[in-house]
Amino acid sequence: FVYLNMSSAAGGVTFSLSTISCAANVSVTMTIRLPASLHATDQVTVQVDGKIVSAISVGSQFIQQADSSWLYTGSGAMLGTCQGATGQVVGTHTVRVIDASSKVVAEGSVTVIP
């Protein structure tokens, strides 16, 4: 699978490349910014294409910024293949971070091409 590990006080998910060729061997960085309204002990769920990939507390993975927002940055290498653990990865994939009240607090997408 493509490793899917911004800048305002509001939330968002951004990728270093908005379109990725799954045939290329490149490193892709994903940055998630959560709003300042969240606290270190708040639980959030990360979803990719509507499927939960992790549930974490904000303070365990995100670093609080000067404007009180929370920042996570992670990188991973493309494997030079269009196949992943869940099958074909070509297409547009949406990453969402959802808080305990089911509100989307950060969202972004990336497109994978052959």
Protein backbone atom coordinates (compact mmCIF):
# COMPACT_ATOMS: atom_id res chain seq x y z
CA PHE A 1 0.00 0.00 0.00
CA VAL A 2 1.11 3.54 -0.59
CA TYR A 3 2.38 4.88 2.73
CA LEU A 4 -0.03 7.57 3.76
CA ASN A 5 1.63 8.51 6.88
CA MET A 6 -0.49 22.86 6.02
CA SER A 7 -0.50 25.94 7.64
CA SER A 8 -3.29 27.58 9.51
CA ALA A 9 -4.95 27.15 12.88
CA ALA A 10 -7.67 25.17 11.12
CA GLY A 11 -7.11 21.52 10.25
CA GLY A 12 -5.97 19.97 7.03
CA VAL A 13 -4.11 17.09 5.42
CA THR A 14 -1.54 17.81 2.71
CA PHE A 15 0.90 15.70 0.72
CA SER A 16 4.28 16.71 -0.67
CA LEU A 17 3.02 15.53 -4.07
CA SER A 18 -0.65 15.90 -4.98
CA THR A 19 -0.32 13.25 -7.70
CA ILE A 20 1.94 10.26 -7.24
CA SER A 21 2.96 7.71 -9.84
CA CYS A 22 2.90 4.32 -8.18
CA ALA A 23 5.55 3.16 -10.65
CA ALA A 24 8.05 5.73 -9.34
CA ASN A 25 10.37 5.26 -6.40
CA VAL A 26 9.81 8.51 -4.51
CA SER A 27 9.37 9.59 -0.94
CA VAL A 28 6.01 11.13 -0.07
CA THR A 29 5.43 13.32 2.98
CA MET A 30 2.03 13.69 4.59
CA THR A 31 1.38 16.60 6.94
CA ILE A 32 -1.68 16.74 9.18
CA ARG A 33 -2.60 19.92 11.02
CA LEU A 34 -5.32 19.72 13.65
CA PRO A 35 -7.15 22.78 14.99
CA ALA A 36 -6.18 24.52 18.22
CA SER A 37 -9.54 23.56 19.71
CA LEU A 38 -8.24 20.03 20.32
CA HIS A 39 -6.36 19.02 23.46
CA ALA A 40 -3.48 16.57 23.97
CA THR A 41 -5.79 14.01 25.60
CA ASP A 42 -8.47 14.16 22.89
CA GLN A 43 -8.93 10.97 20.87
CA VAL A 44 -9.06 11.19 17.07
CA THR A 45 -9.60 8.58 14.38
CA VAL A 46 -7.69 8.59 11.10
CA GLN A 47 -9.58 7.25 8.10
CA VAL A 48 -8.44 6.54 4.55
CA ASP A 49 -11.30 6.29 2.07
CA GLY A 50 -13.75 5.88 4.95
CA LYS A 51 -11.88 3.00 6.60
CA ILE A 52 -10.32 3.47 10.02
CA VAL A 53 -6.55 3.07 9.94
CA SER A 54 -5.76 4.30 13.46
CA ALA A 55 -7.23 5.76 16.62
CA ILE A 56 -4.86 7.87 18.70
CA SER A 57 -4.69 10.61 21.31
CA VAL A 58 -3.64 13.94 19.85
CA GLY A 59 -0.68 14.41 22.19
CA SER A 60 0.82 11.02 21.33
CA GLN A 61 1.47 11.78 17.63
CA PHE A 62 1.06 15.54 17.14
CA ILE A 63 3.25 18.42 18.31
CA GLN A 64 1.51 21.57 19.52
CA GLN A 65 2.52 24.67 17.55
CA ALA A 66 2.91 28.32 18.63
CA ASP A 67 -0.62 29.07 17.34
CA SER A 68 -1.92 26.12 19.48
CA SER A 69 -2.70 23.97 16.43
CA TRP A 70 -1.28 20.43 16.31
CA LEU A 71 1.13 19.17 13.66
CA TYR A 72 2.16 15.70 12.46
CA THR A 73 4.53 15.04 9.56
CA GLY A 74 5.43 11.58 8.29
CA SER A 75 7.23 10.30 5.22
CA GLY A 76 7.30 7.02 3.38
CA ALA A 77 8.75 5.59 0.21
CA MET A 78 6.65 4.49 -2.73
CA LEU A 79 7.30 0.83 -3.44
CA GLY A 80 7.29 1.18 -7.23
CA THR A 81 4.11 -0.86 -7.53
CA CYS A 82 0.40 -0.18 -8.00
CA GLN A 83 -0.57 -3.04 -5.69
CA GLY A 84 -1.02 -2.72 -1.95
CA ALA A 85 -2.25 -4.77 0.96
CA THR A 86 -5.83 -3.94 -0.01
CA GLY A 87 -5.33 -4.41 -3.76
CA GLN A 88 -5.07 -1.76 -6.44
CA VAL A 89 -4.08 1.68 -5.08
CA VAL A 90 -4.59 3.71 -8.27
CA GLY A 91 -7.16 6.48 -7.79
CA THR A 92 -7.89 9.41 -5.51
CA HIS A 93 -7.68 8.65 -1.79
CA THR A 94 -9.16 10.82 0.95
CA VAL A 95 -7.62 11.04 4.41
CA ARG A 96 -9.83 12.32 7.22
CA VAL A 97 -9.17 12.92 10.90
CA ILE A 98 -12.34 12.70 12.99
CA ASP A 99 -12.75 13.79 16.59
CA ALA A 100 -14.72 12.05 19.36
CA SER A 101 -17.93 13.87 18.38
CA SER A 102 -17.63 12.52 14.78
CA LYS A 103 -16.63 15.92 13.39
CA VAL A 104 -14.05 15.99 10.56
CA VAL A 105 -11.20 18.13 11.93
CA ALA A 106 -8.76 17.61 9.04
CA GLU A 107 -9.15 16.32 5.50
CA GLY A 108 -7.11 16.04 2.33
CA SER A 109 -6.59 13.82 -0.66
CA VAL A 110 -3.90 12.42 -2.89
CA THR A 111 -4.16 10.86 -6.35
CA VAL A 112 -2.16 7.78 -7.32
CA ILE A 113 -1.64 7.10 -11.02
CA PRO A 114 -0.06 4.08 -12.75
